């Protein structure tokens, strides 16, 4: 079992003892998502910490999107709950890149690949992805690359 998964389980136990409903429900959901990912595919496997971070990033994104949908739908109490769950998940994710850090990584990747114009976007994204894994949302990265190549 990975260190991150063990930390999630230990924090879940602590939340149960403290009777913290929000953290308890959020960590149960996260551990369920990790478990589902482990048994997805042809055979069960244990996830690495990096793969657990990917699952948590996906779950955090779902929370953000759900919060936006509830805000738009006029359900602020549900939106607040989704945002709170997202904040709990954020504790287990790597720190997000600032716009300046992202721009610097994009510039570095463009220099490394020698890409020019919109056709080079795939090449730059391929070079960037390992460097930013879990530290910036894909749409944000794509927008930064697109503007840098324009």
N, C-alpha and C. Protein backbone atom coordinates (compact mmCIF):
# COMPACT_ATOMS: atom_id res chain seq x y z
N UNK A 1 0.85 -1.18 0.00
CA UNK A 1 0.00 0.00 0.00
C UNK A 1 0.90 1.24 0.00
N UNK A 2 0.47 2.25 -0.72
CA UNK A 2 1.27 3.45 -0.84
C UNK A 2 1.17 4.33 0.41
N UNK A 3 2.14 5.20 0.54
CA UNK A 3 2.17 6.10 1.70
C UNK A 3 0.96 7.04 1.70
N UNK A 4 0.60 7.53 0.52
CA UNK A 4 -0.53 8.46 0.43
C UNK A 4 -1.84 7.76 0.80
N UNK A 5 -2.01 6.54 0.33
CA UNK A 5 -3.23 5.79 0.65
C UNK A 5 -3.29 5.50 2.15
N UNK A 6 -2.15 5.17 2.74
CA UNK A 6 -2.10 4.94 4.18
C UNK A 6 -2.46 6.21 4.94
N UNK A 7 -1.97 7.36 4.46
CA UNK A 7 -2.29 8.64 5.10
C UNK A 7 -3.79 8.92 5.02
N UNK A 8 -4.39 8.63 3.86
CA UNK A 8 -5.84 8.82 3.71
C UNK A 8 -6.59 7.96 4.73
N UNK A 9 -6.17 6.71 4.87
CA UNK A 9 -6.84 5.79 5.81
C UNK A 9 -6.66 6.26 7.25
N UNK A 10 -5.45 6.69 7.59
CA UNK A 10 -5.19 7.16 8.96
C UNK A 10 -6.01 8.41 9.27
N UNK A 11 -6.08 9.32 8.29
CA UNK A 11 -6.86 10.55 8.49
C UNK A 11 -8.36 10.24 8.57
N UNK A 12 -8.80 9.21 7.84
CA UNK A 12 -10.20 8.79 7.92
C UNK A 12 -10.50 8.29 9.33
N UNK A 13 -9.60 7.48 9.88
CA UNK A 13 -9.78 6.98 11.24
C UNK A 13 -9.84 8.14 12.24
N UNK A 14 -8.95 9.11 12.07
CA UNK A 14 -8.92 10.27 12.97
C UNK A 14 -10.22 11.07 12.84
N UNK A 15 -10.73 11.22 11.62
CA UNK A 15 -11.98 11.95 11.39
C UNK A 15 -13.16 11.23 12.03
N UNK A 16 -13.12 9.89 11.99
CA UNK A 16 -14.18 9.11 12.63
C UNK A 16 -14.17 9.32 14.14
N UNK A 17 -12.97 9.30 14.71
CA UNK A 17 -12.84 9.49 16.16
C UNK A 17 -13.27 10.90 16.57
N UNK A 18 -12.97 11.89 15.69
CA UNK A 18 -13.32 13.29 15.99
C UNK A 18 -14.76 13.60 15.59
N UNK A 19 -15.42 12.64 14.96
CA UNK A 19 -16.79 12.80 14.49
C UNK A 19 -16.93 13.97 13.52
N UNK A 20 -15.94 14.10 12.62
CA UNK A 20 -15.93 15.17 11.61
C UNK A 20 -16.60 14.63 10.34
N UNK A 21 -17.88 14.92 10.19
CA UNK A 21 -18.68 14.37 9.09
C UNK A 21 -18.12 14.71 7.72
N UNK A 22 -17.76 15.97 7.49
CA UNK A 22 -17.28 16.41 6.18
C UNK A 22 -16.02 15.65 5.77
N UNK A 23 -15.03 15.63 6.64
CA UNK A 23 -13.76 14.96 6.32
C UNK A 23 -14.00 13.46 6.17
N UNK A 24 -14.81 12.89 7.05
CA UNK A 24 -15.09 11.45 7.00
C UNK A 24 -15.73 11.08 5.66
N UNK A 25 -16.76 11.80 5.25
CA UNK A 25 -17.45 11.50 3.99
C UNK A 25 -16.53 11.71 2.79
N UNK A 26 -15.74 12.77 2.83
CA UNK A 26 -14.86 13.07 1.70
C UNK A 26 -13.77 12.02 1.56
N UNK A 27 -13.15 11.63 2.66
CA UNK A 27 -12.08 10.63 2.59
C UNK A 27 -12.62 9.26 2.21
N UNK A 28 -13.83 8.92 2.67
CA UNK A 28 -14.45 7.65 2.25
C UNK A 28 -14.64 7.66 0.73
N UNK A 29 -15.16 8.78 0.22
CA UNK A 29 -15.37 8.90 -1.23
C UNK A 29 -14.04 8.77 -1.97
N UNK A 30 -13.00 9.42 -1.47
CA UNK A 30 -11.69 9.38 -2.12
C UNK A 30 -11.12 7.96 -2.10
N UNK A 31 -11.21 7.29 -0.97
CA UNK A 31 -10.70 5.92 -0.88
C UNK A 31 -11.50 4.97 -1.76
N UNK A 32 -12.80 5.21 -1.89
CA UNK A 32 -13.62 4.40 -2.80
C UNK A 32 -13.16 4.60 -4.24
N UNK A 33 -12.90 5.86 -4.61
CA UNK A 33 -12.43 6.15 -5.98
C UNK A 33 -11.09 5.47 -6.23
N UNK A 34 -10.20 5.50 -5.25
CA UNK A 34 -8.90 4.84 -5.39
C UNK A 34 -9.10 3.33 -5.53
N UNK A 35 -9.96 2.77 -4.70
CA UNK A 35 -10.25 1.33 -4.78
C UNK A 35 -10.84 0.94 -6.12
N UNK A 36 -11.75 1.76 -6.64
CA UNK A 36 -12.35 1.48 -7.94
C UNK A 36 -11.29 1.51 -9.04
N UNK A 37 -10.36 2.45 -8.94
CA UNK A 37 -9.29 2.55 -9.93
C UNK A 37 -8.38 1.33 -9.85
N UNK A 38 -8.16 0.82 -8.64
CA UNK A 38 -7.29 -0.35 -8.47
C UNK A 38 -7.88 -1.61 -9.10
N UNK A 39 -9.19 -1.73 -9.10
CA UNK A 39 -9.81 -2.94 -9.65
C UNK A 39 -10.32 -2.73 -11.08
N UNK A 40 -10.14 -1.53 -11.63
CA UNK A 40 -10.55 -1.27 -13.02
C UNK A 40 -9.58 -1.99 -13.96
N UNK A 41 -10.07 -2.40 -15.09
CA UNK A 41 -9.22 -3.08 -16.06
C UNK A 41 -9.32 -4.59 -15.92
N UNK A 42 -8.39 -5.28 -16.55
CA UNK A 42 -8.44 -6.73 -16.59
C UNK A 42 -8.04 -7.39 -15.26
N UNK A 43 -7.08 -6.77 -14.55
CA UNK A 43 -6.68 -7.36 -13.27
C UNK A 43 -6.42 -6.28 -12.23
N UNK A 44 -6.66 -6.64 -10.97
CA UNK A 44 -6.48 -5.69 -9.87
C UNK A 44 -5.00 -5.40 -9.69
N UNK A 45 -4.70 -4.17 -9.26
CA UNK A 45 -3.32 -3.77 -9.03
C UNK A 45 -3.29 -2.70 -7.95
N UNK A 46 -2.15 -2.54 -7.34
CA UNK A 46 -1.99 -1.47 -6.34
C UNK A 46 -1.53 -0.22 -7.07
N UNK A 47 -2.09 0.92 -6.70
CA UNK A 47 -1.72 2.18 -7.33
C UNK A 47 -0.50 2.78 -6.66
N UNK A 48 0.32 3.46 -7.46
CA UNK A 48 1.46 4.19 -6.89
C UNK A 48 0.94 5.51 -6.32
N UNK A 49 1.79 6.21 -5.57
CA UNK A 49 1.39 7.52 -5.04
C UNK A 49 1.00 8.47 -6.16
N UNK A 50 1.75 8.44 -7.27
CA UNK A 50 1.44 9.33 -8.40
C UNK A 50 0.05 9.03 -8.97
N UNK A 51 -0.30 7.74 -9.05
CA UNK A 51 -1.61 7.36 -9.56
C UNK A 51 -2.72 7.75 -8.58
N UNK A 52 -2.45 7.66 -7.28
CA UNK A 52 -3.42 8.07 -6.27
C UNK A 52 -3.65 9.59 -6.38
N UNK A 53 -2.57 10.34 -6.62
CA UNK A 53 -2.69 11.79 -6.81
C UNK A 53 -3.56 12.09 -8.03
N UNK A 54 -3.40 11.30 -9.10
CA UNK A 54 -4.24 11.50 -10.29
C UNK A 54 -5.71 11.28 -9.96
N UNK A 55 -6.01 10.25 -9.20
CA UNK A 55 -7.39 9.96 -8.82
C UNK A 55 -7.94 11.10 -7.96
N UNK A 56 -7.15 11.57 -6.99
CA UNK A 56 -7.60 12.66 -6.13
C UNK A 56 -7.78 13.96 -6.91
N UNK A 57 -6.91 14.19 -7.89
CA UNK A 57 -7.04 15.38 -8.74
C UNK A 57 -8.35 15.32 -9.51
N UNK A 58 -8.66 14.14 -10.04
CA UNK A 58 -9.91 13.96 -10.78
C UNK A 58 -11.12 14.20 -9.88
N UNK A 59 -11.06 13.69 -8.66
CA UNK A 59 -12.16 13.87 -7.71
C UNK A 59 -12.31 15.34 -7.32
N UNK A 60 -11.19 16.03 -7.13
CA UNK A 60 -11.23 17.46 -6.78
C UNK A 60 -11.85 18.26 -7.92
N UNK A 61 -11.51 17.88 -9.15
CA UNK A 61 -12.08 18.57 -10.32
C UNK A 61 -13.59 18.36 -10.36
N UNK A 62 -14.03 17.15 -10.06
CA UNK A 62 -15.48 16.87 -10.01
C UNK A 62 -16.16 17.77 -9.00
N UNK A 63 -15.51 17.97 -7.84
CA UNK A 63 -16.08 18.82 -6.79
C UNK A 63 -16.20 20.27 -7.27
N UNK A 64 -15.16 20.77 -7.94
CA UNK A 64 -15.20 22.15 -8.46
C UNK A 64 -16.32 22.32 -9.47
N UNK A 65 -16.43 21.36 -10.39
CA UNK A 65 -17.47 21.44 -11.42
C UNK A 65 -18.86 21.34 -10.81
N UNK A 66 -19.02 20.47 -9.82
CA UNK A 66 -20.33 20.33 -9.16
C UNK A 66 -20.68 21.60 -8.41
N UNK A 67 -19.70 22.22 -7.76
CA UNK A 67 -19.94 23.47 -7.03
C UNK A 67 -20.41 24.56 -7.99
N UNK A 68 -19.77 24.64 -9.16
CA UNK A 68 -20.18 25.63 -10.17
C UNK A 68 -21.60 25.35 -10.64
N UNK A 69 -21.91 24.09 -10.86
CA UNK A 69 -23.26 23.72 -11.32
C UNK A 69 -24.31 24.07 -10.26
N UNK A 70 -24.01 23.80 -9.00
CA UNK A 70 -24.96 24.13 -7.94
C UNK A 70 -25.12 25.64 -7.79
N UNK A 71 -24.02 26.39 -7.95
CA UNK A 71 -24.11 27.87 -7.90
C UNK A 71 -25.04 28.36 -9.00
N UNK A 72 -24.82 27.85 -10.20
CA UNK A 72 -25.63 28.25 -11.35
C UNK A 72 -27.09 27.85 -11.14
N UNK A 73 -27.31 26.71 -10.51
CA UNK A 73 -28.66 26.20 -10.27
C UNK A 73 -29.35 26.82 -9.07
N UNK A 74 -28.69 27.74 -8.40
CA UNK A 74 -29.32 28.40 -7.26
C UNK A 74 -29.39 27.55 -6.01
N UNK A 75 -28.39 26.71 -5.80
CA UNK A 75 -28.36 25.87 -4.59
C UNK A 75 -27.05 26.12 -3.84
N UNK A 76 -26.95 27.27 -3.18
CA UNK A 76 -25.69 27.66 -2.54
C UNK A 76 -25.23 26.71 -1.43
N UNK A 77 -26.16 26.08 -0.71
CA UNK A 77 -25.74 25.18 0.37
C UNK A 77 -25.04 23.94 -0.19
N UNK A 78 -25.53 23.41 -1.31
CA UNK A 78 -24.86 22.27 -1.95
C UNK A 78 -23.52 22.70 -2.53
N UNK A 79 -23.47 23.90 -3.12
CA UNK A 79 -22.22 24.42 -3.69
C UNK A 79 -21.17 24.55 -2.59
N UNK A 80 -21.58 25.05 -1.42
CA UNK A 80 -20.65 25.21 -0.30
C UNK A 80 -20.11 23.85 0.16
N UNK A 81 -20.96 22.84 0.18
CA UNK A 81 -20.54 21.50 0.57
C UNK A 81 -19.50 20.95 -0.41
N UNK A 82 -19.77 21.11 -1.70
CA UNK A 82 -18.84 20.63 -2.73
C UNK A 82 -17.49 21.35 -2.62
N UNK A 83 -17.53 22.66 -2.39
CA UNK A 83 -16.28 23.43 -2.24
C UNK A 83 -15.51 22.95 -1.02
N UNK A 84 -16.22 22.69 0.07
CA UNK A 84 -15.57 22.21 1.30
C UNK A 84 -14.92 20.84 1.07
N UNK A 85 -15.60 19.97 0.33
CA UNK A 85 -15.01 18.66 0.01
C UNK A 85 -13.76 18.83 -0.85
N UNK A 86 -13.83 19.77 -1.80
CA UNK A 86 -12.67 20.05 -2.64
C UNK A 86 -11.48 20.53 -1.82
N UNK A 87 -11.76 21.34 -0.79
CA UNK A 87 -10.68 21.83 0.08
C UNK A 87 -10.05 20.69 0.88
N UNK A 88 -10.88 19.73 1.31
CA UNK A 88 -10.34 18.57 2.03
C UNK A 88 -9.41 17.78 1.10
N UNK A 89 -9.84 17.57 -0.13
CA UNK A 89 -9.01 16.82 -1.09
C UNK A 89 -7.73 17.57 -1.41
N UNK A 90 -7.80 18.90 -1.46
CA UNK A 90 -6.63 19.71 -1.81
C UNK A 90 -5.48 19.50 -0.81
N UNK A 91 -5.80 19.11 0.42
CA UNK A 91 -4.75 18.85 1.42
C UNK A 91 -3.80 17.73 0.99
N UNK A 92 -4.29 16.84 0.15
CA UNK A 92 -3.52 15.67 -0.25
C UNK A 92 -2.89 15.81 -1.63
N UNK A 93 -3.12 16.94 -2.27
CA UNK A 93 -2.59 17.17 -3.62
C UNK A 93 -1.36 18.07 -3.55
N UNK A 94 -0.47 17.94 -4.54
CA UNK A 94 0.69 18.84 -4.57
C UNK A 94 0.22 20.28 -4.75
N UNK A 95 1.04 21.23 -4.29
CA UNK A 95 0.70 22.65 -4.43
C UNK A 95 0.54 22.99 -5.91
N UNK A 96 -0.48 23.78 -6.22
CA UNK A 96 -0.74 24.16 -7.60
C UNK A 96 0.28 25.19 -8.06
N UNK A 97 0.62 25.14 -9.34
CA UNK A 97 1.57 26.09 -9.92
C UNK A 97 0.92 27.47 -10.05
N UNK A 98 1.70 28.50 -9.78
CA UNK A 98 1.21 29.86 -10.01
C UNK A 98 1.24 30.12 -11.51
N UNK A 99 0.60 31.19 -11.96
CA UNK A 99 0.60 31.53 -13.38
C UNK A 99 2.02 31.78 -13.88
N UNK A 100 2.85 32.42 -13.04
CA UNK A 100 4.23 32.72 -13.43
C UNK A 100 5.04 31.43 -13.58
N UNK A 101 4.88 30.51 -12.62
CA UNK A 101 5.61 29.24 -12.69
C UNK A 101 5.18 28.43 -13.92
N UNK A 102 3.87 28.44 -14.19
CA UNK A 102 3.35 27.72 -15.35
C UNK A 102 3.90 28.32 -16.63
N UNK A 103 3.91 29.65 -16.72
CA UNK A 103 4.43 30.32 -17.92
C UNK A 103 5.91 30.00 -18.13
N UNK A 104 6.67 29.93 -17.04
CA UNK A 104 8.10 29.60 -17.15
C UNK A 104 8.29 28.17 -17.65
N UNK A 105 7.49 27.23 -17.14
CA UNK A 105 7.59 25.84 -17.60
C UNK A 105 7.18 25.71 -19.06
N UNK A 106 6.15 26.46 -19.46
CA UNK A 106 5.70 26.44 -20.86
C UNK A 106 6.81 26.97 -21.75
N UNK A 107 7.42 28.10 -21.37
CA UNK A 107 8.51 28.69 -22.17
C UNK A 107 9.68 27.71 -22.29
N UNK A 108 9.99 27.05 -21.19
CA UNK A 108 11.09 26.07 -21.19
C UNK A 108 10.77 24.91 -22.13
N UNK A 109 9.53 24.41 -22.09
CA UNK A 109 9.14 23.28 -22.95
C UNK A 109 9.15 23.69 -24.42
N UNK A 110 8.74 24.92 -24.71
CA UNK A 110 8.76 25.40 -26.09
C UNK A 110 10.21 25.49 -26.58
N UNK A 111 11.10 25.98 -25.74
CA UNK A 111 12.51 26.08 -26.10
C UNK A 111 13.12 24.69 -26.33
N UNK A 112 12.77 23.73 -25.47
CA UNK A 112 13.30 22.36 -25.58
C UNK A 112 12.83 21.68 -26.87
N UNK A 113 11.54 21.87 -27.19
CA UNK A 113 10.98 21.17 -28.35
C UNK A 113 11.17 21.92 -29.65
N UNK A 114 11.40 23.21 -29.57
CA UNK A 114 11.54 24.03 -30.78
C UNK A 114 10.23 24.18 -31.52
N UNK A 115 9.12 23.99 -30.82
CA UNK A 115 7.80 24.06 -31.45
C UNK A 115 7.46 25.50 -31.82
N UNK A 116 6.74 25.63 -32.93
CA UNK A 116 6.28 26.94 -33.39
C UNK A 116 4.85 26.83 -33.86
N UNK A 117 4.06 27.84 -33.55
CA UNK A 117 2.68 27.91 -34.03
C UNK A 117 1.78 26.86 -33.40
N UNK A 118 0.50 26.93 -33.74
CA UNK A 118 -0.51 26.02 -33.15
C UNK A 118 -0.23 24.54 -33.40
N UNK A 119 0.46 24.21 -34.49
CA UNK A 119 0.74 22.81 -34.80
C UNK A 119 1.69 22.16 -33.79
N UNK A 120 2.46 22.97 -33.09
CA UNK A 120 3.42 22.45 -32.12
C UNK A 120 2.82 22.18 -30.75
N UNK A 121 1.54 22.45 -30.59
CA UNK A 121 0.91 22.34 -29.27
C UNK A 121 1.03 20.94 -28.68
N UNK A 122 0.75 19.92 -29.47
CA UNK A 122 0.82 18.54 -28.99
C UNK A 122 2.21 18.17 -28.50
N UNK A 123 3.22 18.62 -29.23
CA UNK A 123 4.60 18.35 -28.87
C UNK A 123 4.95 18.99 -27.53
N UNK A 124 4.53 20.24 -27.36
CA UNK A 124 4.81 20.97 -26.12
C UNK A 124 4.05 20.33 -24.96
N UNK A 125 2.78 19.98 -25.17
CA UNK A 125 1.98 19.36 -24.10
C UNK A 125 2.61 18.04 -23.66
N UNK A 126 3.10 17.27 -24.64
CA UNK A 126 3.73 15.99 -24.34
C UNK A 126 4.98 16.19 -23.48
N UNK A 127 5.75 17.23 -23.76
CA UNK A 127 6.96 17.52 -22.99
C UNK A 127 6.61 18.06 -21.60
N UNK A 128 5.51 18.81 -21.51
CA UNK A 128 5.13 19.45 -20.24
C UNK A 128 4.48 18.51 -19.24
N UNK A 129 3.64 17.60 -19.71
CA UNK A 129 2.83 16.78 -18.81
C UNK A 129 3.60 16.11 -17.66
N UNK A 130 4.76 15.49 -17.91
CA UNK A 130 5.46 14.87 -16.77
C UNK A 130 5.93 15.90 -15.73
N UNK A 131 6.23 17.12 -16.18
CA UNK A 131 6.75 18.15 -15.27
C UNK A 131 5.67 18.76 -14.40
N UNK A 132 4.42 18.74 -14.86
CA UNK A 132 3.36 19.44 -14.14
C UNK A 132 2.34 18.49 -13.54
N UNK A 133 2.56 17.20 -13.65
CA UNK A 133 1.58 16.20 -13.21
C UNK A 133 0.96 16.54 -11.87
N UNK A 134 -0.34 16.79 -11.88
CA UNK A 134 -1.08 17.05 -10.65
C UNK A 134 -0.93 18.45 -10.09
N UNK A 135 -0.07 19.28 -10.70
CA UNK A 135 0.16 20.60 -10.14
C UNK A 135 -0.55 21.71 -10.90
N UNK A 136 -1.20 21.36 -12.02
CA UNK A 136 -1.99 22.34 -12.77
C UNK A 136 -3.02 21.57 -13.60
N UNK A 137 -4.20 22.15 -13.73
CA UNK A 137 -5.28 21.53 -14.48
C UNK A 137 -4.96 21.55 -15.98
N UNK A 138 -5.35 20.49 -16.67
CA UNK A 138 -5.04 20.36 -18.09
C UNK A 138 -5.53 21.52 -18.94
N UNK A 139 -6.74 22.00 -18.68
CA UNK A 139 -7.29 23.11 -19.46
C UNK A 139 -6.48 24.38 -19.28
N UNK A 140 -6.02 24.61 -18.06
CA UNK A 140 -5.21 25.79 -17.78
C UNK A 140 -3.86 25.70 -18.49
N UNK A 141 -3.26 24.50 -18.50
CA UNK A 141 -1.99 24.29 -19.17
C UNK A 141 -2.15 24.49 -20.67
N UNK A 142 -3.22 23.91 -21.23
CA UNK A 142 -3.47 24.02 -22.66
C UNK A 142 -3.64 25.49 -23.07
N UNK A 143 -4.35 26.24 -22.25
CA UNK A 143 -4.55 27.66 -22.56
C UNK A 143 -3.23 28.42 -22.53
N UNK A 144 -2.37 28.10 -21.55
CA UNK A 144 -1.06 28.76 -21.44
C UNK A 144 -0.19 28.42 -22.65
N UNK A 145 -0.19 27.16 -23.07
CA UNK A 145 0.61 26.74 -24.22
C UNK A 145 0.08 27.42 -25.49
N UNK A 146 -1.23 27.43 -25.64
CA UNK A 146 -1.85 28.04 -26.82
C UNK A 146 -1.48 29.52 -26.95
N UNK A 147 -1.56 30.25 -25.83
CA UNK A 147 -1.25 31.67 -25.88
C UNK A 147 0.25 31.90 -26.13
N UNK A 148 1.09 31.03 -25.60
CA UNK A 148 2.54 31.17 -25.81
C UNK A 148 2.93 30.88 -27.25
N UNK A 149 2.22 29.96 -27.89
CA UNK A 149 2.54 29.59 -29.28
C UNK A 149 1.88 30.54 -30.29
N UNK A 150 0.92 31.32 -29.86
CA UNK A 150 0.20 32.20 -30.80
C UNK A 150 1.07 33.38 -31.22
